[in-house]
Amino acid sequence: MTRLARLAETMPTPAERAGRAEWAQAALRAWNGYAPTAAGQSELDDELDARWIGGRPARCPAGALVTA
């Protein structure tokens, strides 16, 4: 089996990713009340998309530069 094939086997399906996202949001909501509005969620999604596409470095809440 090629390295790429082994990697592909470890990739979660879209349904698995959605389930993990729902679980993470529920855990955050229970822990600290995290409950973004639809507009807030869309803004976060857009920011993540821009980071994936543009390779822009992330900034943590304190403003310090975080490199991935």
PDB file of N, CA and C in Angstrom:
ATOM      1  N   MET A   1       0.851  -1.172   0.000  1.00  0.00           N
ATOM      2  CA  MET A   1       0.000   0.000   0.000  1.00  0.00           C
ATOM      3  C   MET A   1       0.902   1.243   0.000  1.00  0.00           C
ATOM      4  N   THR A   2       0.541   2.198  -0.805  1.00  0.00           N
ATOM      5  CA  THR A   2       1.346   3.408  -0.906  1.00  0.00           C
ATOM      6  C   THR A   2       1.095   4.321   0.300  1.00  0.00           C
ATOM      7  N   ARG A   3       2.019   5.218   0.484  1.00  0.00           N
ATOM      8  CA  ARG A   3       1.899   6.163   1.588  1.00  0.00           C
ATOM      9  C   ARG A   3       0.625   7.006   1.443  1.00  0.00           C
ATOM     10  N   LEU A   4       0.333   7.411   0.231  1.00  0.00           N
ATOM     11  CA  LEU A   4      -0.856   8.216  -0.014  1.00  0.00           C
ATOM     12  C   LEU A   4      -2.121   7.431   0.313  1.00  0.00           C
ATOM     13  N   ALA A   5      -2.165   6.161  -0.043  1.00  0.00           N
ATOM     14  CA  ALA A   5      -3.327   5.327   0.256  1.00  0.00           C
ATOM     15  C   ALA A   5      -3.500   5.172   1.760  1.00  0.00           C
ATOM     16  N   ARG A   6      -2.394   4.989   2.491  1.00  0.00           N
ATOM     17  CA  ARG A   6      -2.477   4.872   3.957  1.00  0.00           C
ATOM     18  C   ARG A   6      -2.988   6.175   4.560  1.00  0.00           C
ATOM     19  N   LEU A   7      -2.517   7.295   4.040  1.00  0.00           N
ATOM     20  CA  LEU A   7      -2.975   8.584   4.520  1.00  0.00           C
ATOM     21  C   LEU A   7      -4.467   8.761   4.264  1.00  0.00           C
ATOM     22  N   ALA A   8      -4.917   8.374   3.090  1.00  0.00           N
ATOM     23  CA  ALA A   8      -6.331   8.509   2.730  1.00  0.00           C
ATOM     24  C   ALA A   8      -7.215   7.704   3.671  1.00  0.00           C
ATOM     25  N   GLU A   9      -6.739   6.564   4.127  1.00  0.00           N
ATOM     26  CA  GLU A   9      -7.527   5.738   5.041  1.00  0.00           C
ATOM     27  C   GLU A   9      -7.708   6.407   6.399  1.00  0.00           C
ATOM     28  N   THR A  10      -6.808   7.294   6.766  1.00  0.00           N
ATOM     29  CA  THR A  10      -6.903   7.951   8.073  1.00  0.00           C
ATOM     30  C   THR A  10      -7.732   9.229   8.027  1.00  0.00           C
ATOM     31  N   MET A  11      -8.090   9.681   6.844  1.00  0.00           N
ATOM     32  CA  MET A  11      -8.861  10.923   6.708  1.00  0.00           C
ATOM     33  C   MET A  11     -10.317  10.677   7.096  1.00  0.00           C
ATOM     34  N   PRO A  12     -10.869  11.533   7.963  1.00  0.00           N
ATOM     35  CA  PRO A  12     -12.285  11.364   8.321  1.00  0.00           C
ATOM     36  C   PRO A  12     -13.188  11.756   7.158  1.00  0.00           C
ATOM     37  N   THR A  13     -14.332  11.129   7.109  1.00  0.00           N
ATOM     38  CA  THR A  13     -15.321  11.453   6.082  1.00  0.00           C
ATOM     39  C   THR A  13     -15.980  12.786   6.437  1.00  0.00           C
ATOM     40  N   PRO A  14     -16.683  13.404   5.484  1.00  0.00           N
ATOM     41  CA  PRO A  14     -17.392  14.646   5.819  1.00  0.00           C
ATOM     42  C   PRO A  14     -18.372  14.459   6.984  1.00  0.00           C
ATOM     43  N   ALA A  15     -19.043  13.318   7.028  1.00  0.00           N
ATOM     44  CA  ALA A  15     -19.979  13.064   8.130  1.00  0.00           C
ATOM     45  C   ALA A  15     -19.238  12.951   9.464  1.00  0.00           C
ATOM     46  N   GLU A  16     -18.067  12.303   9.456  1.00  0.00           N
ATOM     47  CA  GLU A  16     -17.271  12.198  10.680  1.00  0.00           C
ATOM     48  C   GLU A  16     -16.781  13.571  11.133  1.00  0.00           C
ATOM     49  N   ARG A  17     -16.353  14.393  10.180  1.00  0.00           N
ATOM     50  CA  ARG A  17     -15.902  15.750  10.527  1.00  0.00           C
ATOM     51  C   ARG A  17     -17.052  16.575  11.105  1.00  0.00           C
ATOM     52  N   ALA A  18     -18.236  16.453  10.521  1.00  0.00           N
ATOM     53  CA  ALA A  18     -19.398  17.184  11.025  1.00  0.00           C
ATOM     54  C   ALA A  18     -19.745  16.719  12.438  1.00  0.00           C
ATOM     55  N   GLY A  19     -19.666  15.422  12.674  1.00  0.00           N
ATOM     56  CA  GLY A  19     -19.935  14.893  14.012  1.00  0.00           C
ATOM     57  C   GLY A  19     -18.942  15.401  15.033  1.00  0.00           C
ATOM     58  N   ARG A  20     -17.686  15.453  14.655  1.00  0.00           N
ATOM     59  CA  ARG A  20     -16.652  15.974  15.558  1.00  0.00           C
ATOM     60  C   ARG A  20     -16.884  17.452  15.844  1.00  0.00           C
ATOM     61  N   ALA A  21     -17.276  18.202  14.828  1.00  0.00           N
ATOM     62  CA  ALA A  21     -17.536  19.630  15.008  1.00  0.00           C
ATOM     63  C   ALA A  21     -18.712  19.842  15.960  1.00  0.00           C
ATOM     64  N   GLU A  22     -19.768  19.058  15.797  1.00  0.00           N
ATOM     65  CA  GLU A  22     -20.926  19.169  16.687  1.00  0.00           C
ATOM     66  C   GLU A  22     -20.534  18.820  18.116  1.00  0.00           C
ATOM     67  N   TRP A  23     -19.734  17.770  18.276  1.00  0.00           N
ATOM     68  CA  TRP A  23     -19.282  17.363  19.604  1.00  0.00           C
ATOM     69  C   TRP A  23     -18.441  18.465  20.244  1.00  0.00           C
ATOM     70  N   ALA A  24     -17.538  19.051  19.469  1.00  0.00           N
ATOM     71  CA  ALA A  24     -16.671  20.106  19.992  1.00  0.00           C
ATOM     72  C   ALA A  24     -17.493  21.332  20.390  1.00  0.00           C
ATOM     73  N   GLN A  25     -18.468  21.708  19.583  1.00  0.00           N
ATOM     74  CA  GLN A  25     -19.299  22.863  19.927  1.00  0.00           C
ATOM     75  C   GLN A  25     -20.105  22.601  21.188  1.00  0.00           C
ATOM     76  N   ALA A  26     -20.631  21.381  21.336  1.00  0.00           N
ATOM     77  CA  ALA A  26     -21.390  21.037  22.543  1.00  0.00           C
ATOM     78  C   ALA A  26     -20.483  21.074  23.770  1.00  0.00           C
ATOM     79  N   ALA A  27     -19.261  20.575  23.636  1.00  0.00           N
ATOM     80  CA  ALA A  27     -18.327  20.586  24.756  1.00  0.00           C
ATOM     81  C   ALA A  27     -17.966  22.019  25.141  1.00  0.00           C
ATOM     82  N   LEU A  28     -17.708  22.873  24.149  1.00  0.00           N
ATOM     83  CA  LEU A  28     -17.388  24.275  24.425  1.00  0.00           C
ATOM     84  C   LEU A  28     -18.575  25.007  25.048  1.00  0.00           C
ATOM     85  N   ARG A  29     -19.766  24.713  24.546  1.00  0.00           N
ATOM     86  CA  ARG A  29     -20.975  25.348  25.083  1.00  0.00           C
ATOM     87  C   ARG A  29     -21.143  24.974  26.556  1.00  0.00           C
ATOM     88  N   ALA A  30     -20.938  23.695  26.890  1.00  0.00           N
ATOM     89  CA  ALA A  30     -21.071  23.243  28.276  1.00  0.00           C
ATOM     90  C   ALA A  30     -19.966  23.812  29.157  1.00  0.00           C
ATOM     91  N   TRP A  31     -18.791  23.972  28.608  1.00  0.00           N
ATOM     92  CA  TRP A  31     -17.635  24.419  29.393  1.00  0.00           C
ATOM     93  C   TRP A  31     -17.658  25.922  29.649  1.00  0.00           C
ATOM     94  N   ASN A  32     -17.893  26.715  28.591  1.00  0.00           N
ATOM     95  CA  ASN A  32     -17.782  28.165  28.772  1.00  0.00           C
ATOM     96  C   ASN A  32     -18.900  28.970  28.110  1.00  0.00           C
ATOM     97  N   GLY A  33     -19.978  28.306  27.714  1.00  0.00           N
ATOM     98  CA  GLY A  33     -21.098  29.020  27.128  1.00  0.00           C
ATOM     99  C   GLY A  33     -20.918  29.416  25.675  1.00  0.00           C
ATOM    100  N   TYR A  34     -19.936  28.825  24.990  1.00  0.00           N
ATOM    101  CA  TYR A  34     -19.669  29.137  23.583  1.00  0.00           C
ATOM    102  C   TYR A  34     -20.917  28.876  22.755  1.00  0.00           C
ATOM    103  N   ALA A  35     -21.439  29.913  22.145  1.00  0.00           N
ATOM    104  CA  ALA A  35     -22.632  29.776  21.309  1.00  0.00           C
ATOM    105  C   ALA A  35     -22.642  30.898  20.273  1.00  0.00           C
ATOM    106  N   PRO A  36     -21.834  30.764  19.212  1.00  0.00           N
ATOM    107  CA  PRO A  36     -21.794  31.836  18.211  1.00  0.00           C
ATOM    108  C   PRO A  36     -23.116  31.926  17.448  1.00  0.00           C
ATOM    109  N   THR A  37     -23.439  33.137  17.047  1.00  0.00           N
ATOM    110  CA  THR A  37     -24.610  33.328  16.196  1.00  0.00           C
ATOM    111  C   THR A  37     -24.288  32.770  14.810  1.00  0.00           C
ATOM    112  N   ALA A  38     -25.288  32.678  13.966  1.00  0.00           N
ATOM    113  CA  ALA A  38     -25.044  32.202  12.596  1.00  0.00           C
ATOM    114  C   ALA A  38     -24.071  33.138  11.883  1.00  0.00           C
ATOM    115  N   ALA A  39     -24.221  34.441  12.120  1.00  0.00           N
ATOM    116  CA  ALA A  39     -23.314  35.409  11.490  1.00  0.00           C
ATOM    117  C   ALA A  39     -21.900  35.246  12.042  1.00  0.00           C
ATOM    118  N   GLY A  40     -21.790  35.035  13.340  1.00  0.00           N
ATOM    119  CA  GLY A  40     -20.476  34.836  13.954  1.00  0.00           C
ATOM    120  C   GLY A  40     -19.807  33.570  13.449  1.00  0.00           C
ATOM    121  N   GLN A  41     -20.589  32.500  13.304  1.00  0.00           N
ATOM    122  CA  GLN A  41     -20.049  31.250  12.785  1.00  0.00           C
ATOM    123  C   GLN A  41     -19.583  31.422  11.348  1.00  0.00           C
ATOM    124  N   SER A  42     -20.361  32.148  10.564  1.00  0.00           N
ATOM    125  CA  SER A  42     -19.985  32.402   9.173  1.00  0.00           C
ATOM    126  C   SER A  42     -18.690  33.207   9.099  1.00  0.00           C
ATOM    127  N   GLU A  43     -18.549  34.192   9.990  1.00  0.00           N
ATOM    128  CA  GLU A  43     -17.329  35.002  10.023  1.00  0.00           C
ATOM    129  C   GLU A  43     -16.117  34.133  10.372  1.00  0.00           C
ATOM    130  N   LEU A  44     -16.291  33.249  11.350  1.00  0.00           N
ATOM    131  CA  LEU A  44     -15.200  32.342  11.717  1.00  0.00           C
ATOM    132  C   LEU A  44     -14.847  31.404  10.558  1.00  0.00           C
ATOM    133  N   ASP A  45     -15.865  30.879   9.886  1.00  0.00           N
ATOM    134  CA  ASP A  45     -15.629  30.002   8.742  1.00  0.00           C
ATOM    135  C   ASP A  45     -14.878  30.734   7.640  1.00  0.00           C
ATOM    136  N   ASP A  46     -15.276  31.975   7.372  1.00  0.00           N
ATOM    137  CA  ASP A  46     -14.599  32.767   6.343  1.00  0.00           C
ATOM    138  C   ASP A  46     -13.135  33.012   6.705  1.00  0.00           C
ATOM    139  N   GLU A  47     -12.882  33.285   7.987  1.00  0.00           N
ATOM    140  CA  GLU A  47     -11.506  33.516   8.423  1.00  0.00           C
ATOM    141  C   GLU A  47     -10.655  32.256   8.256  1.00  0.00           C
ATOM    142  N   LEU A  48     -11.227  31.107   8.638  1.00  0.00           N
ATOM    143  CA  LEU A  48     -10.486  29.851   8.470  1.00  0.00           C
ATOM    144  C   LEU A  48     -10.230  29.546   7.001  1.00  0.00           C
ATOM    145  N   ASP A  49     -11.238  29.788   6.155  1.00  0.00           N
ATOM    146  CA  ASP A  49     -11.053  29.577   4.709  1.00  0.00           C
ATOM    147  C   ASP A  49      -9.926  30.457   4.179  1.00  0.00           C
ATOM    148  N   ALA A  50      -9.902  31.721   4.613  1.00  0.00           N
ATOM    149  CA  ALA A  50      -8.859  32.640   4.152  1.00  0.00           C
ATOM    150  C   ALA A  50      -7.488  32.163   4.604  1.00  0.00           C
ATOM    151  N   ARG A  51      -7.400  31.633   5.805  1.00  0.00           N
ATOM    152  CA  ARG A  51      -6.115  31.125   6.293  1.00  0.00           C
ATOM    153  C   ARG A  51      -5.656  29.922   5.481  1.00  0.00           C
ATOM    154  N   TRP A  52      -6.592  29.042   5.140  1.00  0.00           N
ATOM    155  CA  TRP A  52      -6.231  27.866   4.347  1.00  0.00           C
ATOM    156  C   TRP A  52      -5.759  28.278   2.964  1.00  0.00           C
ATOM    157  N   ILE A  53      -6.474  29.211   2.372  1.00  0.00           N
ATOM    158  CA  ILE A  53      -6.164  29.615   1.003  1.00  0.00           C
ATOM    159  C   ILE A  53      -4.923  30.489   0.943  1.00  0.00           C
ATOM    160  N   GLY A  54      -4.835  31.468   1.825  1.00  0.00           N
ATOM    161  CA  GLY A  54      -3.767  32.445   1.744  1.00  0.00           C
ATOM    162  C   GLY A  54      -2.548  32.157   2.586  1.00  0.00           C
ATOM    163  N   GLY A  55      -2.633  31.179   3.464  1.00  0.00           N
ATOM    164  CA  GLY A  55      -1.501  30.887   4.320  1.00  0.00           C
ATOM    165  C   GLY A  55      -1.203  32.001   5.299  1.00  0.00           C
ATOM    166  N   ARG A  56      -2.215  32.781   5.629  1.00  0.00           N
ATOM    167  CA  ARG A  56      -2.066  33.898   6.547  1.00  0.00           C
ATOM    168  C   ARG A  56      -1.818  33.380   7.963  1.00  0.00           C
ATOM    169  N   PRO A  57      -0.885  33.948   8.713  1.00  0.00           N
ATOM    170  CA  PRO A  57      -0.661  33.492  10.087  1.00  0.00           C
ATOM    171  C   PRO A  57      -1.848  33.832  10.977  1.00  0.00           C
ATOM    172  N   ALA A  58      -2.098  32.997  11.956  1.00  0.00           N
ATOM    173  CA  ALA A  58      -3.188  33.218  12.894  1.00  0.00           C
ATOM    174  C   ALA A  58      -2.749  34.170  13.996  1.00  0.00           C
ATOM    175  N   ARG A  59      -3.689  34.837  14.594  1.00  0.00           N
ATOM    176  CA  ARG A  59      -3.405  35.680  15.761  1.00  0.00           C
ATOM    177  C   ARG A  59      -4.227  35.148  16.927  1.00  0.00           C
ATOM    178  N   CYS A  60      -3.579  34.960  18.045  1.00  0.00           N
ATOM    179  CA  CYS A  60      -4.304  34.505  19.228  1.00  0.00           C
ATOM    180  C   CYS A  60      -5.058  35.692  19.816  1.00  0.00           C
ATOM    181  N   PRO A  61      -6.000  35.461  20.751  1.00  0.00           N
ATOM    182  CA  PRO A  61      -6.791  36.552  21.294  1.00  0.00           C
ATOM    183  C   PRO A  61      -5.952  37.665  21.921  1.00  0.00           C
ATOM    184  N   ALA A  62      -4.792  37.344  22.462  1.00  0.00           N
ATOM    185  CA  ALA A  62      -3.956  38.363  23.087  1.00  0.00           C
ATOM    186  C   ALA A  62      -3.232  39.213  22.046  1.00  0.00           C
ATOM    187  N   GLY A  63      -3.318  38.832  20.769  1.00  0.00           N
ATOM    188  CA  GLY A  63      -2.686  39.587  19.715  1.00  0.00           C
ATOM    189  C   GLY A  63      -1.289  39.102  19.339  1.00  0.00           C
ATOM    190  N   ALA A  64      -0.781  38.123  20.060  1.00  0.00           N
ATOM    191  CA  ALA A  64       0.549  37.592  19.742  1.00  0.00           C
ATOM    192  C   ALA A  64       0.455  36.750  18.474  1.00  0.00           C
ATOM    193  N   LEU A  65       1.472  36.819  17.673  1.00  0.00           N
ATOM    194  CA  LEU A  65       1.495  36.074  16.420  1.00  0.00           C
ATOM    195  C   LEU A  65       1.682  34.592  16.700  1.00  0.00           C
ATOM    196  N   VAL A  66       0.845  33.775  16.083  1.00  0.00           N
ATOM    197  CA  VAL A  66       0.928  32.321  16.211  1.00  0.00           C
ATOM    198  C   VAL A  66       1.216  31.764  14.843  1.00  0.00           C
ATOM    199  N   THR A  67       2.226  30.940  14.715  1.00  0.00           N
ATOM    200  CA  THR A  67       2.510  30.329  13.426  1.00  0.00           C
ATOM    201  C   THR A  67       2.100  28.878  13.467  1.00  0.00           C
ATOM    202  N   ALA A  68       1.552  28.422  12.393  1.00  0.00           N
ATOM    203  CA  ALA A  68       1.069  27.043  12.329  1.00  0.00           C
ATOM    204  C   ALA A  68       2.107  26.135  11.727  1.00  0.00           C
TER     205      ALA A  68
END
